[in-house]
Each structure stands twice: as C-alpha cells, then as structure tokens.
Amino acid sequence: MSGGSIAPLSDRLEIDGETATVTLDPETRMLRGAFVGLSGGADFYATNIPDLIEEGRRSLAVYLGLCREKGIEPRPKVA
C-alpha cells in the first residue's frame, strides 16, 4: 500500500478490567494503547488488535507488579 494518508484513529478497549485508549499512529502505522484511570503511565504497542490486547495485558501486569513492589496505589484515590 503506498500513497495517500491515514488519519489518526482513537477508540477504547477494556483489558483485564482496565480501560485503555487506542490510537493509530499514522507515521508508524502501529496501534498504541494507553491505560486511563491509573496513577502512572502504562503504554503498549502492536500492529494488530490481538497482539495489542496481549501487550496490554503484559504492560498492565508489569505496572501493577511495580506498584506492589514500591507500595504505590495503582489507581488514584477517589475523594
């Protein structure tokens, strides 16, 4: 596929109970996921949805593990 342009695309996925935004990077033509509602960042990338979900699971597991190790709340406290 050559020529033309691809517009950014944005949507949401739920991965292991957490919501992630999904965008298409027009330059790299890769999907980028980013979890929302967490205290810190957890990004993940892939070229297709099944791989993006798997990468999201891995990223979330690493993030939650680091939070446990450091005694950090993974989600902001609701006031």
Protein backbone atom coordinates (compact mmCIF):
# COMPACT_ATOMS: atom_id res chain seq x y z
CA MET A 1 0.00 0.00 0.00
CA SER A 2 1.53 3.30 -0.98
CA GLY A 3 0.50 6.89 -1.28
CA GLY A 4 -2.43 8.51 0.45
CA SER A 5 -2.59 9.36 4.09
CA ILE A 6 -4.02 7.78 7.18
CA ALA A 7 -5.88 9.90 9.71
CA PRO A 8 -5.36 9.28 13.43
CA LEU A 9 -7.91 6.87 14.88
CA SER A 10 -8.92 6.74 18.52
CA ASP A 11 -11.03 4.23 20.42
CA ARG A 12 -11.15 2.33 23.72
CA LEU A 13 -10.59 -1.26 24.82
CA GLU A 14 -11.13 -2.99 28.13
CA ILE A 15 -8.21 -5.21 29.10
CA ASP A 16 -8.37 -7.20 32.33
CA GLY A 17 -10.93 -4.77 33.76
CA GLU A 18 -8.99 -1.62 32.90
CA THR A 19 -9.86 0.85 30.15
CA ALA A 20 -7.26 1.79 27.58
CA THR A 21 -7.42 4.30 24.77
CA VAL A 22 -6.23 3.02 21.42
CA THR A 23 -4.81 5.27 18.74
CA LEU A 24 -3.35 4.58 15.34
CA ASP A 25 -0.05 6.32 14.74
CA PRO A 26 -0.21 7.34 11.07
CA GLU A 27 3.57 7.59 10.78
CA THR A 28 4.48 4.16 12.18
CA ARG A 29 1.16 2.53 11.27
CA MET A 30 1.19 0.92 14.70
CA LEU A 31 -1.56 0.82 17.27
CA ARG A 32 -0.75 2.44 20.61
CA GLY A 33 -2.65 1.62 23.77
CA ALA A 34 -2.54 3.68 26.95
CA PHE A 35 -4.41 2.81 30.14
CA VAL A 36 -6.57 5.54 31.63
CA GLY A 37 -7.50 5.87 35.28
CA LEU A 38 -4.16 4.66 36.63
CA SER A 39 -1.81 6.65 38.86
CA GLY A 40 1.01 6.27 36.32
CA GLY A 41 1.55 5.53 32.66
CA ALA A 42 1.34 2.12 31.04
CA ASP A 43 1.68 2.27 27.24
CA PHE A 44 1.82 -0.62 24.79
CA TYR A 45 2.18 -1.02 21.02
CA ALA A 46 1.35 -3.60 18.34
CA THR A 47 0.42 -3.89 14.68
CA ASN A 48 -2.92 -5.68 15.21
CA ILE A 49 -5.68 -5.85 17.84
CA PRO A 50 -4.99 -9.38 19.20
CA ASP A 51 -1.32 -8.51 19.74
CA LEU A 52 -2.28 -5.12 21.21
CA ILE A 53 -4.51 -6.84 23.79
CA GLU A 54 -1.71 -9.26 24.71
CA GLU A 55 0.81 -6.42 25.00
CA GLY A 56 -1.73 -4.52 27.11
CA ARG A 57 -2.03 -7.47 29.48
CA ARG A 58 1.74 -7.64 29.82
CA SER A 59 2.08 -3.89 30.34
CA LEU A 60 -0.66 -3.86 32.97
CA ALA A 61 0.86 -6.82 34.83
CA VAL A 62 4.27 -5.10 34.92
CA TYR A 63 2.71 -1.83 36.09
CA LEU A 64 0.69 -3.49 38.86
CA GLY A 65 3.73 -5.52 39.95
CA LEU A 66 5.85 -2.38 40.22
CA CYS A 67 3.11 -0.67 42.22
CA ARG A 68 3.03 -3.61 44.66
CA GLU A 69 6.83 -3.63 45.00
CA LYS A 70 7.01 0.12 45.66
CA GLY A 71 3.85 0.38 47.78
CA ILE A 72 2.16 2.72 45.30
CA GLU A 73 -1.60 2.81 44.78
CA PRO A 74 -2.17 1.79 41.14
CA ARG A 75 -5.27 3.98 40.86
CA PRO A 76 -5.85 7.48 42.26
CA LYS A 77 -7.98 7.56 45.40
CA VAL A 78 -11.47 8.96 44.86
CA ALA A 79 -12.24 11.82 47.24
